[in-house]
Amino acid sequence: METLRASVERARSPKDTAEKAGTPKKTGGGKKPAAKKHTRAPDADSLRSLTKAKLYEKATKAGVKGRSMTHDQLADALAKDS
């Protein structure tokens, strides 16, 4: 299942799409790369896009107690825990 998901993500990638369509790659033209931004903890809305299995896996790693929850409850708990 994970292999299929990775394949779909690669197929959706704009980089891959541009290469497949034959459009030339744009170069930076000597520009500096953008400074890395500090990543924020994911909010509940972005977590809701994950499957319940992935949320459960993240909750297990994060040590969230009482993981016998609904999909939305897991997303909320992970957002609070972060």
N, C-alpha and C. Protein backbone atom coordinates (compact mmCIF):
# COMPACT_ATOMS: atom_id res chain seq x y z
N MET A 1 0.83 -1.18 0.00
CA MET A 1 0.00 0.00 0.00
C MET A 1 0.88 1.25 0.00
N GLU A 2 1.95 1.21 0.79
CA GLU A 2 2.86 2.35 0.87
C GLU A 2 3.53 2.62 -0.49
N THR A 3 3.86 1.55 -1.20
CA THR A 3 4.48 1.69 -2.51
C THR A 3 3.52 2.37 -3.48
N LEU A 4 2.27 1.98 -3.44
CA LEU A 4 1.25 2.59 -4.29
C LEU A 4 1.10 4.07 -3.97
N ARG A 5 1.06 4.41 -2.68
CA ARG A 5 0.92 5.79 -2.27
C ARG A 5 2.10 6.62 -2.77
N ALA A 6 3.32 6.08 -2.65
CA ALA A 6 4.50 6.79 -3.11
C ALA A 6 4.45 7.00 -4.62
N SER A 7 3.98 6.01 -5.33
CA SER A 7 3.87 6.10 -6.79
C SER A 7 2.88 7.19 -7.19
N VAL A 8 1.76 7.26 -6.50
CA VAL A 8 0.75 8.28 -6.79
C VAL A 8 1.30 9.66 -6.49
N GLU A 9 2.02 9.80 -5.38
CA GLU A 9 2.60 11.10 -5.04
C GLU A 9 3.62 11.53 -6.09
N ARG A 10 4.43 10.60 -6.58
CA ARG A 10 5.39 10.95 -7.62
C ARG A 10 4.68 11.37 -8.90
N ALA A 11 3.58 10.70 -9.20
CA ALA A 11 2.83 11.02 -10.41
C ALA A 11 2.21 12.40 -10.32
N ARG A 12 1.86 12.85 -9.11
CA ARG A 12 1.25 14.16 -8.92
C ARG A 12 2.28 15.27 -8.83
N SER A 13 3.51 14.94 -8.67
CA SER A 13 4.56 15.93 -8.47
C SER A 13 4.70 16.84 -9.69
N PRO A 14 4.67 18.18 -9.48
CA PRO A 14 4.82 19.10 -10.61
C PRO A 14 6.17 18.93 -11.31
N LYS A 15 7.19 18.59 -10.56
CA LYS A 15 8.52 18.39 -11.14
C LYS A 15 8.47 17.26 -12.16
N ASP A 16 7.87 16.14 -11.75
CA ASP A 16 7.78 15.00 -12.65
C ASP A 16 6.90 15.32 -13.86
N THR A 17 5.82 16.05 -13.62
CA THR A 17 4.90 16.38 -14.70
C THR A 17 5.60 17.25 -15.74
N ALA A 18 6.40 18.22 -15.29
CA ALA A 18 7.10 19.10 -16.22
C ALA A 18 8.09 18.31 -17.06
N GLU A 19 8.78 17.38 -16.44
CA GLU A 19 9.75 16.59 -17.18
C GLU A 19 9.07 15.68 -18.19
N LYS A 20 7.95 15.09 -17.80
CA LYS A 20 7.25 14.19 -18.71
C LYS A 20 6.65 14.95 -19.89
N ALA A 21 6.22 16.20 -19.65
CA ALA A 21 5.60 16.98 -20.70
C ALA A 21 6.63 17.55 -21.67
N GLY A 22 7.90 17.42 -21.33
CA GLY A 22 8.95 17.89 -22.21
C GLY A 22 9.26 19.37 -22.05
N THR A 23 8.72 19.99 -21.02
CA THR A 23 9.04 21.40 -20.81
C THR A 23 10.40 21.50 -20.14
N PRO A 24 11.18 22.48 -20.54
CA PRO A 24 12.51 22.60 -19.95
C PRO A 24 12.43 23.01 -18.49
N LYS A 25 13.42 22.56 -17.76
CA LYS A 25 13.51 22.89 -16.36
C LYS A 25 13.99 24.32 -16.20
N LYS A 26 13.37 25.07 -15.29
CA LYS A 26 13.80 26.43 -15.05
C LYS A 26 14.98 26.39 -14.08
N THR A 27 15.95 27.23 -14.32
CA THR A 27 17.08 27.30 -13.42
C THR A 27 16.96 28.55 -12.58
N GLY A 28 17.65 28.56 -11.46
CA GLY A 28 17.58 29.68 -10.54
C GLY A 28 18.20 30.94 -11.06
N GLY A 29 19.07 30.88 -12.04
CA GLY A 29 19.69 32.07 -12.60
C GLY A 29 20.59 32.78 -11.60
N GLY A 30 21.23 32.03 -10.71
CA GLY A 30 22.16 32.62 -9.76
C GLY A 30 21.50 33.13 -8.50
N LYS A 31 20.22 32.91 -8.33
CA LYS A 31 19.55 33.37 -7.13
C LYS A 31 19.91 32.47 -5.95
N LYS A 32 19.93 33.07 -4.78
CA LYS A 32 20.17 32.29 -3.58
C LYS A 32 18.92 31.51 -3.24
N PRO A 33 19.08 30.32 -2.70
CA PRO A 33 17.89 29.57 -2.28
C PRO A 33 17.22 30.29 -1.10
N ALA A 34 15.94 30.14 -1.02
CA ALA A 34 15.19 30.78 0.06
C ALA A 34 15.65 30.23 1.41
N ALA A 35 15.63 31.08 2.40
CA ALA A 35 16.03 30.65 3.74
C ALA A 35 15.02 29.63 4.25
N LYS A 36 15.51 28.65 4.96
CA LYS A 36 14.62 27.64 5.51
C LYS A 36 13.79 28.25 6.63
N LYS A 37 12.53 27.94 6.60
CA LYS A 37 11.63 28.43 7.63
C LYS A 37 11.51 27.37 8.71
N HIS A 38 11.27 27.82 9.90
CA HIS A 38 11.05 26.88 10.98
C HIS A 38 9.70 26.22 10.74
N THR A 39 9.68 24.92 10.86
CA THR A 39 8.43 24.22 10.63
C THR A 39 7.59 24.27 11.89
N ARG A 40 6.31 24.47 11.69
CA ARG A 40 5.38 24.51 12.81
C ARG A 40 4.82 23.11 13.03
N ALA A 41 4.30 22.93 14.19
CA ALA A 41 3.61 21.67 14.47
C ALA A 41 2.38 21.62 13.57
N PRO A 42 2.05 20.45 13.06
CA PRO A 42 0.89 20.36 12.17
C PRO A 42 -0.40 20.70 12.92
N ASP A 43 -1.30 21.41 12.25
CA ASP A 43 -2.57 21.71 12.87
C ASP A 43 -3.55 20.58 12.60
N ALA A 44 -4.66 20.60 13.29
CA ALA A 44 -5.63 19.51 13.18
C ALA A 44 -6.16 19.37 11.75
N ASP A 45 -6.31 20.50 11.03
CA ASP A 45 -6.83 20.43 9.67
C ASP A 45 -5.90 19.66 8.74
N SER A 46 -4.59 19.90 8.86
CA SER A 46 -3.66 19.18 7.99
C SER A 46 -3.56 17.72 8.40
N LEU A 47 -3.73 17.44 9.67
CA LEU A 47 -3.69 16.06 10.13
C LEU A 47 -4.92 15.28 9.66
N ARG A 48 -6.03 15.97 9.46
CA ARG A 48 -7.26 15.29 9.02
C ARG A 48 -7.12 14.69 7.62
N SER A 49 -6.14 15.14 6.87
CA SER A 49 -5.95 14.59 5.53
C SER A 49 -5.28 13.21 5.58
N LEU A 50 -4.75 12.84 6.74
CA LEU A 50 -4.11 11.53 6.89
C LEU A 50 -5.16 10.46 7.18
N THR A 51 -4.79 9.22 6.90
CA THR A 51 -5.69 8.12 7.23
C THR A 51 -5.68 7.89 8.73
N LYS A 52 -6.70 7.20 9.21
CA LYS A 52 -6.76 6.90 10.64
C LYS A 52 -5.57 6.04 11.05
N ALA A 53 -5.15 5.15 10.18
CA ALA A 53 -4.00 4.29 10.49
C ALA A 53 -2.73 5.13 10.66
N LYS A 54 -2.53 6.12 9.78
CA LYS A 54 -1.36 6.99 9.90
C LYS A 54 -1.45 7.85 11.16
N LEU A 55 -2.66 8.35 11.46
CA LEU A 55 -2.83 9.13 12.68
C LEU A 55 -2.52 8.28 13.91
N TYR A 56 -2.99 7.05 13.91
CA TYR A 56 -2.74 6.15 15.03
C TYR A 56 -1.24 5.91 15.18
N GLU A 57 -0.57 5.70 14.05
CA GLU A 57 0.88 5.48 14.07
C GLU A 57 1.61 6.70 14.65
N LYS A 58 1.21 7.90 14.23
CA LYS A 58 1.82 9.12 14.76
C LYS A 58 1.52 9.29 16.24
N ALA A 59 0.29 8.96 16.64
CA ALA A 59 -0.09 9.08 18.05
C ALA A 59 0.72 8.11 18.91
N THR A 60 0.96 6.92 18.39
CA THR A 60 1.77 5.94 19.11
C THR A 60 3.18 6.47 19.32
N LYS A 61 3.77 7.00 18.26
CA LYS A 61 5.13 7.54 18.35
C LYS A 61 5.20 8.76 19.27
N ALA A 62 4.12 9.57 19.27
CA ALA A 62 4.09 10.78 20.09
C ALA A 62 3.74 10.49 21.54
N GLY A 63 3.33 9.25 21.80
CA GLY A 63 2.98 8.88 23.17
C GLY A 63 1.63 9.42 23.63
N VAL A 64 0.72 9.65 22.69
CA VAL A 64 -0.61 10.12 23.04
C VAL A 64 -1.34 9.02 23.79
N LYS A 65 -1.88 9.38 24.94
CA LYS A 65 -2.58 8.38 25.75
C LYS A 65 -4.03 8.28 25.30
N GLY A 66 -4.60 7.10 25.43
CA GLY A 66 -5.99 6.89 25.06
C GLY A 66 -6.20 6.97 23.57
N ARG A 67 -5.48 6.14 22.80
CA ARG A 67 -5.54 6.24 21.34
C ARG A 67 -6.77 5.57 20.73
N SER A 68 -7.65 5.05 21.56
CA SER A 68 -8.88 4.46 21.04
C SER A 68 -9.88 5.59 20.80
N MET A 69 -9.66 6.29 19.68
CA MET A 69 -10.43 7.49 19.36
C MET A 69 -10.89 7.43 17.91
N THR A 70 -11.77 8.37 17.58
CA THR A 70 -12.18 8.51 16.18
C THR A 70 -11.06 9.21 15.41
N HIS A 71 -11.19 9.24 14.11
CA HIS A 71 -10.22 9.89 13.23
C HIS A 71 -10.01 11.35 13.66
N ASP A 72 -11.10 12.11 13.82
CA ASP A 72 -11.00 13.53 14.17
C ASP A 72 -10.44 13.72 15.57
N GLN A 73 -10.79 12.85 16.50
CA GLN A 73 -10.25 12.95 17.85
C GLN A 73 -8.74 12.73 17.85
N LEU A 74 -8.27 11.77 17.04
CA LEU A 74 -6.83 11.55 16.94
C LEU A 74 -6.13 12.78 16.36
N ALA A 75 -6.70 13.36 15.33
CA ALA A 75 -6.12 14.56 14.72
C ALA A 75 -6.04 15.70 15.73
N ASP A 76 -7.10 15.91 16.49
CA ASP A 76 -7.12 16.96 17.50
C ASP A 76 -6.09 16.69 18.59
N ALA A 77 -6.01 15.45 19.05
CA ALA A 77 -5.06 15.09 20.11
C ALA A 77 -3.62 15.29 19.64
N LEU A 78 -3.33 14.92 18.39
CA LEU A 78 -1.98 15.12 17.86
C LEU A 78 -1.65 16.60 17.70
N ALA A 79 -2.64 17.40 17.32
CA ALA A 79 -2.41 18.84 17.16
C ALA A 79 -2.14 19.50 18.52
N LYS A 80 -2.81 19.05 19.54
CA LYS A 80 -2.60 19.58 20.89
C LYS A 80 -1.27 19.13 21.45
N ASP A 81 -0.90 17.89 21.15
CA ASP A 81 0.32 17.30 21.69
C ASP A 81 1.56 17.93 21.10
N SER A 82 1.47 18.45 19.87
CA SER A 82 2.64 18.99 19.16
C SER A 82 3.05 20.32 19.71
